[in-house]
Structures are given as C-alpha cells and as structure tokens.
Amino acid sequence: MFDFFKNKTEKLLSALIQGAEGVGLPEKDLNTAKEYLEHREYGLCFETILEQLCENDIVITKEYYNLIEKIAIKMEIRLEDYLFMRDLVVEE
C-alpha cells in the first residue's frame, strides 16, 4: 500500500513541477522542487512550487489549481495551507 501511495504521489508532484515549468517558474525553483521529489521530501516539493508561483506572481489555470487541490487532499494538507493559490487562477 505504501508503494502505491508513493508512486501516485510522485506522479502527481511530477505533473505539478511540469505544470510550473510550463507557466514559467524559474529553473532554480524547479530544480529545488525536483531535488526534494528525488529525496522523497514530498511536502517540501509541494510547498516550494506553491510558494514560488506565489512569490513570482505567476498566474495558473483552474485545471492547475485542481491538480494542486488533488495533491493536497492526497497528502492530507489543510485547505488553508494552499487556498491562497486561488488568487493566482486566471479566468479562461
């Protein structure tokens, strides 16, 4: 069961990183997140992407926000710890 959780979480976080790359998150931040993921520091990986998207005022789609929410639910992260990302969602 743990391996399933790990693999699914890693896939979701990889998608999160790829999405952040697609919207222009700086390479150094992407590399930091990738390093955390490689060392199975899932919470730090997630936090790094969210914090840097916010710090850089990078807009995201509703679909990308839904991915953030899916990961947060899977990792049992409280809503108030990622709700601020809604402010970055651009209406399509």
PDB file of N, CA and C in Angstrom:
ATOM      1  N   MET A   1       0.828  -1.199   0.000  1.00  0.00           N
ATOM      2  CA  MET A   1       0.000   0.000   0.000  1.00  0.00           C
ATOM      3  C   MET A   1       0.867   1.256   0.000  1.00  0.00           C
ATOM      4  N   PHE A   2       1.944   1.270   0.771  1.00  0.00           N
ATOM      5  CA  PHE A   2       2.816   2.444   0.814  1.00  0.00           C
ATOM      6  C   PHE A   2       3.413   2.735  -0.559  1.00  0.00           C
ATOM      7  N   ASP A   3       3.831   1.691  -1.282  1.00  0.00           N
ATOM      8  CA  ASP A   3       4.406   1.889  -2.608  1.00  0.00           C
ATOM      9  C   ASP A   3       3.411   2.519  -3.554  1.00  0.00           C
ATOM     10  N   PHE A   4       2.148   2.130  -3.461  1.00  0.00           N
ATOM     11  CA  PHE A   4       1.121   2.733  -4.304  1.00  0.00           C
ATOM     12  C   PHE A   4       1.000   4.213  -3.981  1.00  0.00           C
ATOM     13  N   PHE A   5       0.944   4.542  -2.693  1.00  0.00           N
ATOM     14  CA  PHE A   5       0.843   5.948  -2.277  1.00  0.00           C
ATOM     15  C   PHE A   5       2.052   6.722  -2.788  1.00  0.00           C
ATOM     16  N   LYS A   6       3.232   6.168  -2.612  1.00  0.00           N
ATOM     17  CA  LYS A   6       4.466   6.836  -3.023  1.00  0.00           C
ATOM     18  C   LYS A   6       4.458   7.083  -4.533  1.00  0.00           C
ATOM     19  N   ASN A   7       4.169   6.056  -5.298  1.00  0.00           N
ATOM     20  CA  ASN A   7       4.200   6.183  -6.750  1.00  0.00           C
ATOM     21  C   ASN A   7       3.163   7.169  -7.255  1.00  0.00           C
ATOM     22  N   LYS A   8       1.973   7.110  -6.724  1.00  0.00           N
ATOM     23  CA  LYS A   8       0.906   8.023  -7.129  1.00  0.00           C
ATOM     24  C   LYS A   8       1.262   9.453  -6.742  1.00  0.00           C
ATOM     25  N   THR A   9       1.782   9.642  -5.561  1.00  0.00           N
ATOM     26  CA  THR A   9       2.168  10.974  -5.101  1.00  0.00           C
ATOM     27  C   THR A   9       3.297  11.518  -5.958  1.00  0.00           C
ATOM     28  N   GLU A  10       4.274  10.697  -6.264  1.00  0.00           N
ATOM     29  CA  GLU A  10       5.392  11.139  -7.101  1.00  0.00           C
ATOM     30  C   GLU A  10       4.916  11.536  -8.493  1.00  0.00           C
ATOM     31  N   LYS A  11       3.988  10.794  -9.047  1.00  0.00           N
ATOM     32  CA  LYS A  11       3.456  11.129 -10.369  1.00  0.00           C
ATOM     33  C   LYS A  11       2.712  12.463 -10.331  1.00  0.00           C
ATOM     34  N   LEU A  12       1.923  12.659  -9.294  1.00  0.00           N
ATOM     35  CA  LEU A  12       1.187  13.921  -9.164  1.00  0.00           C
ATOM     36  C   LEU A  12       2.138  15.099  -8.985  1.00  0.00           C
ATOM     37  N   LEU A  13       3.152  14.920  -8.151  1.00  0.00           N
ATOM     38  CA  LEU A  13       4.109  16.003  -7.928  1.00  0.00           C
ATOM     39  C   LEU A  13       4.947  16.269  -9.179  1.00  0.00           C
ATOM     40  N   SER A  14       5.241  15.243  -9.940  1.00  0.00           N
ATOM     41  CA  SER A  14       5.937  15.442 -11.213  1.00  0.00           C
ATOM     42  C   SER A  14       5.086  16.277 -12.162  1.00  0.00           C
ATOM     43  N   ALA A  15       3.796  16.001 -12.187  1.00  0.00           N
ATOM     44  CA  ALA A  15       2.878  16.787 -13.017  1.00  0.00           C
ATOM     45  C   ALA A  15       2.815  18.236 -12.527  1.00  0.00           C
ATOM     46  N   LEU A  16       2.862  18.426 -11.215  1.00  0.00           N
ATOM     47  CA  LEU A  16       2.863  19.762 -10.639  1.00  0.00           C
ATOM     48  C   LEU A  16       4.103  20.538 -11.088  1.00  0.00           C
ATOM     49  N   ILE A  17       5.249  19.877 -11.050  1.00  0.00           N
ATOM     50  CA  ILE A  17       6.502  20.505 -11.477  1.00  0.00           C
ATOM     51  C   ILE A  17       6.457  20.827 -12.968  1.00  0.00           C
ATOM     52  N   GLN A  18       5.984  19.895 -13.777  1.00  0.00           N
ATOM     53  CA  GLN A  18       5.889  20.132 -15.221  1.00  0.00           C
ATOM     54  C   GLN A  18       4.968  21.307 -15.521  1.00  0.00           C
ATOM     55  N   GLY A  19       3.870  21.382 -14.805  1.00  0.00           N
ATOM     56  CA  GLY A  19       2.953  22.497 -14.993  1.00  0.00           C
ATOM     57  C   GLY A  19       3.579  23.828 -14.608  1.00  0.00           C
ATOM     58  N   ALA A  20       4.357  23.816 -13.529  1.00  0.00           N
ATOM     59  CA  ALA A  20       5.037  25.033 -13.085  1.00  0.00           C
ATOM     60  C   ALA A  20       6.076  25.466 -14.117  1.00  0.00           C
ATOM     61  N   GLU A  21       6.725  24.501 -14.720  1.00  0.00           N
ATOM     62  CA  GLU A  21       7.687  24.807 -15.774  1.00  0.00           C
ATOM     63  C   GLU A  21       6.972  25.441 -16.962  1.00  0.00           C
ATOM     64  N   GLY A  22       5.801  24.914 -17.276  1.00  0.00           N
ATOM     65  CA  GLY A  22       5.020  25.417 -18.405  1.00  0.00           C
ATOM     66  C   GLY A  22       4.524  26.847 -18.243  1.00  0.00           C
ATOM     67  N   VAL A  23       4.357  27.281 -17.008  1.00  0.00           N
ATOM     68  CA  VAL A  23       3.886  28.657 -16.775  1.00  0.00           C
ATOM     69  C   VAL A  23       5.029  29.601 -16.451  1.00  0.00           C
ATOM     70  N   GLY A  24       6.259  29.107 -16.520  1.00  0.00           N
ATOM     71  CA  GLY A  24       7.409  29.988 -16.408  1.00  0.00           C
ATOM     72  C   GLY A  24       8.076  30.116 -15.058  1.00  0.00           C
ATOM     73  N   LEU A  25       7.887  29.136 -14.172  1.00  0.00           N
ATOM     74  CA  LEU A  25       8.596  29.185 -12.896  1.00  0.00           C
ATOM     75  C   LEU A  25      10.098  29.102 -13.172  1.00  0.00           C
ATOM     76  N   PRO A  26      10.906  29.928 -12.505  1.00  0.00           N
ATOM     77  CA  PRO A  26      12.353  29.925 -12.754  1.00  0.00           C
ATOM     78  C   PRO A  26      12.989  28.542 -12.556  1.00  0.00           C
ATOM     79  N   GLU A  27      13.987  28.282 -13.367  1.00  0.00           N
ATOM     80  CA  GLU A  27      14.687  26.992 -13.380  1.00  0.00           C
ATOM     81  C   GLU A  27      15.228  26.603 -12.001  1.00  0.00           C
ATOM     82  N   LYS A  28      15.777  27.566 -11.257  1.00  0.00           N
ATOM     83  CA  LYS A  28      16.342  27.237  -9.944  1.00  0.00           C
ATOM     84  C   LYS A  28      15.265  26.712  -8.995  1.00  0.00           C
ATOM     85  N   ASP A  29      14.061  27.254  -9.085  1.00  0.00           N
ATOM     86  CA  ASP A  29      12.971  26.783  -8.238  1.00  0.00           C
ATOM     87  C   ASP A  29      12.496  25.404  -8.672  1.00  0.00           C
ATOM     88  N   LEU A  30      12.452  25.190  -9.964  1.00  0.00           N
ATOM     89  CA  LEU A  30      12.089  23.867 -10.484  1.00  0.00           C
ATOM     90  C   LEU A  30      13.097  22.819 -10.032  1.00  0.00           C
ATOM     91  N   ASN A  31      14.375  23.167 -10.120  1.00  0.00           N
ATOM     92  CA  ASN A  31      15.422  22.223  -9.709  1.00  0.00           C
ATOM     93  C   ASN A  31      15.337  21.904  -8.224  1.00  0.00           C
ATOM     94  N   THR A  32      15.025  22.908  -7.416  1.00  0.00           N
ATOM     95  CA  THR A  32      14.867  22.674  -5.974  1.00  0.00           C
ATOM     96  C   THR A  32      13.731  21.690  -5.729  1.00  0.00           C
ATOM     97  N   ALA A  33      12.599  21.922  -6.392  1.00  0.00           N
ATOM     98  CA  ALA A  33      11.441  21.035  -6.226  1.00  0.00           C
ATOM     99  C   ALA A  33      11.767  19.625  -6.704  1.00  0.00           C
ATOM    100  N   LYS A  34      12.465  19.513  -7.823  1.00  0.00           N
ATOM    101  CA  LYS A  34      12.847  18.190  -8.348  1.00  0.00           C
ATOM    102  C   LYS A  34      13.764  17.460  -7.368  1.00  0.00           C
ATOM    103  N   GLU A  35      14.666  18.195  -6.756  1.00  0.00           N
ATOM    104  CA  GLU A  35      15.572  17.583  -5.779  1.00  0.00           C
ATOM    105  C   GLU A  35      14.793  17.072  -4.562  1.00  0.00           C
ATOM    106  N   TYR A  36      13.853  17.865  -4.085  1.00  0.00           N
ATOM    107  CA  TYR A  36      13.012  17.405  -2.974  1.00  0.00           C
ATOM    108  C   TYR A  36      12.247  16.146  -3.363  1.00  0.00           C
ATOM    109  N   LEU A  37      11.699  16.134  -4.565  1.00  0.00           N
ATOM    110  CA  LEU A  37      10.949  14.971  -5.022  1.00  0.00           C
ATOM    111  C   LEU A  37      11.858  13.744  -5.094  1.00  0.00           C
ATOM    112  N   GLU A  38      13.049  13.929  -5.616  1.00  0.00           N
ATOM    113  CA  GLU A  38      14.007  12.837  -5.733  1.00  0.00           C
ATOM    114  C   GLU A  38      14.339  12.223  -4.371  1.00  0.00           C
ATOM    115  N   HIS A  39      14.367  13.066  -3.341  1.00  0.00           N
ATOM    116  CA  HIS A  39      14.680  12.598  -1.989  1.00  0.00           C
ATOM    117  C   HIS A  39      13.422  12.284  -1.173  1.00  0.00           C
ATOM    118  N   ARG A  40      12.294  12.195  -1.875  1.00  0.00           N
ATOM    119  CA  ARG A  40      11.007  11.839  -1.270  1.00  0.00           C
ATOM    120  C   ARG A  40      10.568  12.813  -0.182  1.00  0.00           C
ATOM    121  N   GLU A  41      10.952  14.055  -0.341  1.00  0.00           N
ATOM    122  CA  GLU A  41      10.509  15.135   0.541  1.00  0.00           C
ATOM    123  C   GLU A  41       9.300  15.781  -0.130  1.00  0.00           C
ATOM    124  N   TYR A  42       8.196  15.024  -0.127  1.00  0.00           N
ATOM    125  CA  TYR A  42       7.014  15.423  -0.884  1.00  0.00           C
ATOM    126  C   TYR A  42       6.421  16.750  -0.416  1.00  0.00           C
ATOM    127  N   GLY A  43       6.356  16.940   0.873  1.00  0.00           N
ATOM    128  CA  GLY A  43       5.799  18.185   1.411  1.00  0.00           C
ATOM    129  C   GLY A  43       6.628  19.389   1.002  1.00  0.00           C
ATOM    130  N   LEU A  44       7.948  19.268   1.058  1.00  0.00           N
ATOM    131  CA  LEU A  44       8.822  20.372   0.658  1.00  0.00           C
ATOM    132  C   LEU A  44       8.733  20.640  -0.836  1.00  0.00           C
ATOM    133  N   CYS A  45       8.580  19.609  -1.615  1.00  0.00           N
ATOM    134  CA  CYS A  45       8.407  19.759  -3.060  1.00  0.00           C
ATOM    135  C   CYS A  45       7.139  20.564  -3.343  1.00  0.00           C
ATOM    136  N   PHE A  46       6.050  20.151  -2.746  1.00  0.00           N
ATOM    137  CA  PHE A  46       4.755  20.812  -2.918  1.00  0.00           C
ATOM    138  C   PHE A  46       4.833  22.271  -2.471  1.00  0.00           C
ATOM    139  N   GLU A  47       5.360  22.499  -1.291  1.00  0.00           N
ATOM    140  CA  GLU A  47       5.465  23.856  -0.751  1.00  0.00           C
ATOM    141  C   GLU A  47       6.330  24.750  -1.624  1.00  0.00           C
ATOM    142  N   THR A  48       7.434  24.224  -2.113  1.00  0.00           N
ATOM    143  CA  THR A  48       8.341  25.007  -2.946  1.00  0.00           C
ATOM    144  C   THR A  48       7.631  25.512  -4.198  1.00  0.00           C
ATOM    145  N   ILE A  49       6.932  24.633  -4.871  1.00  0.00           N
ATOM    146  CA  ILE A  49       6.230  25.034  -6.093  1.00  0.00           C
ATOM    147  C   ILE A  49       5.181  26.096  -5.778  1.00  0.00           C
ATOM    148  N   LEU A  50       4.354  25.852  -4.778  1.00  0.00           N
ATOM    149  CA  LEU A  50       3.299  26.805  -4.453  1.00  0.00           C
ATOM    150  C   LEU A  50       3.861  28.156  -4.030  1.00  0.00           C
ATOM    151  N   GLU A  51       4.832  28.133  -3.141  1.00  0.00           N
ATOM    152  CA  GLU A  51       5.402  29.387  -2.646  1.00  0.00           C
ATOM    153  C   GLU A  51       6.061  30.185  -3.762  1.00  0.00           C
ATOM    154  N   GLN A  52       6.765  29.506  -4.655  1.00  0.00           N
ATOM    155  CA  GLN A  52       7.464  30.222  -5.711  1.00  0.00           C
ATOM    156  C   GLN A  52       6.519  30.724  -6.798  1.00  0.00           C
ATOM    157  N   LEU A  53       5.463  29.991  -7.080  1.00  0.00           N
ATOM    158  CA  LEU A  53       4.449  30.504  -8.002  1.00  0.00           C
ATOM    159  C   LEU A  53       3.858  31.793  -7.444  1.00  0.00           C
ATOM    160  N   CYS A  54       3.579  31.772  -6.156  1.00  0.00           N
ATOM    161  CA  CYS A  54       3.008  32.942  -5.490  1.00  0.00           C
ATOM    162  C   CYS A  54       4.013  34.094  -5.448  1.00  0.00           C
ATOM    163  N   GLU A  55       5.235  33.820  -5.048  1.00  0.00           N
ATOM    164  CA  GLU A  55       6.287  34.844  -4.955  1.00  0.00           C
ATOM    165  C   GLU A  55       6.528  35.527  -6.299  1.00  0.00           C
ATOM    166  N   ASN A  56       6.429  34.759  -7.366  1.00  0.00           N
ATOM    167  CA  ASN A  56       6.684  35.286  -8.703  1.00  0.00           C
ATOM    168  C   ASN A  56       5.419  35.783  -9.405  1.00  0.00           C
ATOM    169  N   ASP A  57       4.291  35.773  -8.675  1.00  0.00           N
ATOM    170  CA  ASP A  57       3.000  36.230  -9.228  1.00  0.00           C
ATOM    171  C   ASP A  57       2.682  35.579 -10.570  1.00  0.00           C
ATOM    172  N   ILE A  58       2.860  34.289 -10.635  1.00  0.00           N
ATOM    173  CA  ILE A  58       2.609  33.543 -11.866  1.00  0.00           C
ATOM    174  C   ILE A  58       1.164  33.057 -11.849  1.00  0.00           C
ATOM    175  N   VAL A  59       0.427  33.417 -12.890  1.00  0.00           N
ATOM    176  CA  VAL A  59      -0.977  33.001 -12.965  1.00  0.00           C
ATOM    177  C   VAL A  59      -1.064  31.535 -13.359  1.00  0.00           C
ATOM    178  N   ILE A  60      -2.111  30.888 -12.881  1.00  0.00           N
ATOM    179  CA  ILE A  60      -2.342  29.472 -13.160  1.00  0.00           C
ATOM    180  C   ILE A  60      -3.772  29.293 -13.654  1.00  0.00           C
ATOM    181  N   THR A  61      -4.016  28.165 -14.264  1.00  0.00           N
ATOM    182  CA  THR A  61      -5.363  27.851 -14.734  1.00  0.00           C
ATOM    183  C   THR A  61      -6.157  27.169 -13.617  1.00  0.00           C
ATOM    184  N   LYS A  62      -7.440  27.105 -13.809  1.00  0.00           N
ATOM    185  CA  LYS A  62      -8.310  26.389 -12.872  1.00  0.00           C
ATOM    186  C   LYS A  62      -7.920  24.910 -12.846  1.00  0.00           C
ATOM    187  N   GLU A  63      -7.564  24.386 -13.998  1.00  0.00           N
ATOM    188  CA  GLU A  63      -7.150  22.982 -14.092  1.00  0.00           C
ATOM    189  C   GLU A  63      -5.903  22.732 -13.232  1.00  0.00           C
ATOM    190  N   TYR A  64      -4.952  23.651 -13.294  1.00  0.00           N
ATOM    191  CA  TYR A  64      -3.735  23.507 -12.494  1.00  0.00           C
ATOM    192  C   TYR A  64      -4.062  23.623 -11.013  1.00  0.00           C
ATOM    193  N   TYR A  65      -4.962  24.529 -10.665  1.00  0.00           N
ATOM    194  CA  TYR A  65      -5.389  24.635  -9.264  1.00  0.00           C
ATOM    195  C   TYR A  65      -6.040  23.325  -8.810  1.00  0.00           C
ATOM    196  N   ASN A  66      -6.825  22.718  -9.681  1.00  0.00           N
ATOM    197  CA  ASN A  66      -7.450  21.436  -9.340  1.00  0.00           C
ATOM    198  C   ASN A  66      -6.401  20.364  -9.057  1.00  0.00           C
ATOM    199  N   LEU A  67      -5.293  20.398  -9.796  1.00  0.00           N
ATOM    200  CA  LEU A  67      -4.187  19.469  -9.538  1.00  0.00           C
ATOM    201  C   LEU A  67      -3.592  19.738  -8.156  1.00  0.00           C
ATOM    202  N   ILE A  68      -3.386  21.001  -7.840  1.00  0.00           N
ATOM    203  CA  ILE A  68      -2.882  21.373  -6.511  1.00  0.00           C
ATOM    204  C   ILE A  68      -3.803  20.821  -5.432  1.00  0.00           C
ATOM    205  N   GLU A  69      -5.083  21.014  -5.626  1.00  0.00           N
ATOM    206  CA  GLU A  69      -6.071  20.547  -4.645  1.00  0.00           C
ATOM    207  C   GLU A  69      -6.053  19.019  -4.520  1.00  0.00           C
ATOM    208  N   LYS A  70      -5.939  18.333  -5.646  1.00  0.00           N
ATOM    209  CA  LYS A  70      -5.899  16.860  -5.632  1.00  0.00           C
ATOM    210  C   LYS A  70      -4.682  16.358  -4.845  1.00  0.00           C
ATOM    211  N   ILE A  71      -3.542  16.982  -5.081  1.00  0.00           N
ATOM    212  CA  ILE A  71      -2.328  16.601  -4.357  1.00  0.00           C
ATOM    213  C   ILE A  71      -2.481  16.892  -2.875  1.00  0.00           C
ATOM    214  N   ALA A  72      -3.001  18.060  -2.565  1.00  0.00           N
ATOM    215  CA  ALA A  72      -3.177  18.449  -1.163  1.00  0.00           C
ATOM    216  C   ALA A  72      -4.089  17.472  -0.428  1.00  0.00           C
ATOM    217  N   ILE A  73      -5.154  17.075  -1.055  1.00  0.00           N
ATOM    218  CA  ILE A  73      -6.081  16.116  -0.433  1.00  0.00           C
ATOM    219  C   ILE A  73      -5.368  14.777  -0.225  1.00  0.00           C
ATOM    220  N   LYS A  74      -4.646  14.327  -1.244  1.00  0.00           N
ATOM    221  CA  LYS A  74      -3.928  13.047  -1.149  1.00  0.00           C
ATOM    222  C   LYS A  74      -2.895  13.078  -0.028  1.00  0.00           C
ATOM    223  N   MET A  75      -2.229  14.227   0.133  1.00  0.00           N
ATOM    224  CA  MET A  75      -1.185  14.354   1.136  1.00  0.00           C
ATOM    225  C   MET A  75      -1.732  14.831   2.492  1.00  0.00           C
ATOM    226  N   GLU A  76      -3.042  14.978   2.564  1.00  0.00           N
ATOM    227  CA  GLU A  76      -3.721  15.415   3.789  1.00  0.00           C
ATOM    228  C   GLU A  76      -3.230  16.786   4.261  1.00  0.00           C
ATOM    229  N   ILE A  77      -3.104  17.702   3.298  1.00  0.00           N
ATOM    230  CA  ILE A  77      -2.715  19.077   3.580  1.00  0.00           C
ATOM    231  C   ILE A  77      -3.986  19.892   3.771  1.00  0.00           C
ATOM    232  N   ARG A  78      -3.994  20.706   4.794  1.00  0.00           N
ATOM    233  CA  ARG A  78      -5.182  21.501   5.125  1.00  0.00           C
ATOM    234  C   ARG A  78      -5.476  22.535   4.039  1.00  0.00           C
ATOM    235  N   LEU A  79      -6.733  22.785   3.800  1.00  0.00           N
ATOM    236  CA  LEU A  79      -7.184  23.745   2.798  1.00  0.00           C
ATOM    237  C   LEU A  79      -6.542  25.113   2.998  1.00  0.00           C
ATOM    238  N   GLU A  80      -6.467  25.573   4.217  1.00  0.00           N
ATOM    239  CA  GLU A  80      -5.907  26.900   4.475  1.00  0.00           C
ATOM    240  C   GLU A  80      -4.420  27.002   4.126  1.00  0.00           C
ATOM    241  N   ASP A  81      -3.768  25.858   3.921  1.00  0.00           N
ATOM    242  CA  ASP A  81      -2.350  25.866   3.568  1.00  0.00           C
ATOM    243  C   ASP A  81      -2.100  25.995   2.062  1.00  0.00           C
ATOM    244  N   TYR A  82      -3.151  25.915   1.264  1.00  0.00           N
ATOM    245  CA  TYR A  82      -2.979  26.099  -0.180  1.00  0.00           C
ATOM    246  C   TYR A  82      -4.069  26.969  -0.797  1.00  0.00           C
ATOM    247  N   LEU A  83      -5.020  27.408  -0.018  1.00  0.00           N
ATOM    248  CA  LEU A  83      -6.137  28.211  -0.505  1.00  0.00           C
ATOM    249  C   LEU A  83      -5.669  29.501  -1.175  1.00  0.00           C
ATOM    250  N   PHE A  84      -4.553  30.053  -0.721  1.00  0.00           N
ATOM    251  CA  PHE A  84      -4.014  31.289  -1.293  1.00  0.00           C
ATOM    252  C   PHE A  84      -3.735  31.163  -2.793  1.00  0.00           C
ATOM    253  N   MET A  85      -3.602  29.948  -3.277  1.00  0.00           N
ATOM    254  CA  MET A  85      -3.320  29.733  -4.697  1.00  0.00           C
ATOM    255  C   MET A  85      -4.508  30.114  -5.576  1.00  0.00           C
ATOM    256  N   ARG A  86      -5.697  30.166  -5.016  1.00  0.00           N
ATOM    257  CA  ARG A  86      -6.871  30.579  -5.792  1.00  0.00           C
ATOM    258  C   ARG A  86      -6.714  31.985  -6.337  1.00  0.00           C
ATOM    259  N   ASP A  87      -5.959  32.820  -5.620  1.00  0.00           N
ATOM    260  CA  ASP A  87      -5.743  34.196  -6.068  1.00  0.00           C
ATOM    261  C   ASP A  87      -4.950  34.268  -7.367  1.00  0.00           C
ATOM    262  N   LEU A  88      -4.240  33.209  -7.704  1.00  0.00           N
ATOM    263  CA  LEU A  88      -3.430  33.191  -8.928  1.00  0.00           C
ATOM    264  C   LEU A  88      -4.187  32.630 -10.140  1.00  0.00           C
ATOM    265  N   VAL A  89      -5.375  32.114  -9.910  1.00  0.00           N
ATOM    266  CA  VAL A  89      -6.136  31.496 -11.006  1.00  0.00           C
ATOM    267  C   VAL A  89      -6.661  32.575 -11.942  1.00  0.00           C
ATOM    268  N   VAL A  90      -6.372  32.409 -13.208  1.00  0.00           N
ATOM    269  CA  VAL A  90      -6.863  33.315 -14.248  1.00  0.00           C
ATOM    270  C   VAL A  90      -8.135  32.721 -14.826  1.00  0.00           C
ATOM    271  N   GLU A  91      -9.104  33.555 -15.003  1.00  0.00           N
ATOM    272  CA  GLU A  91     -10.363  33.096 -15.621  1.00  0.00           C
ATOM    273  C   GLU A  91     -10.131  32.899 -17.109  1.00  0.00           C
ATOM    274  N   GLU A  92     -10.599  31.779 -17.614  1.00  0.00           N
ATOM    275  CA  GLU A  92     -10.390  31.473 -19.048  1.00  0.00           C
ATOM    276  C   GLU A  92     -11.588  31.885 -19.857  1.00  0.00           C
TER     277      GLU A  92
END
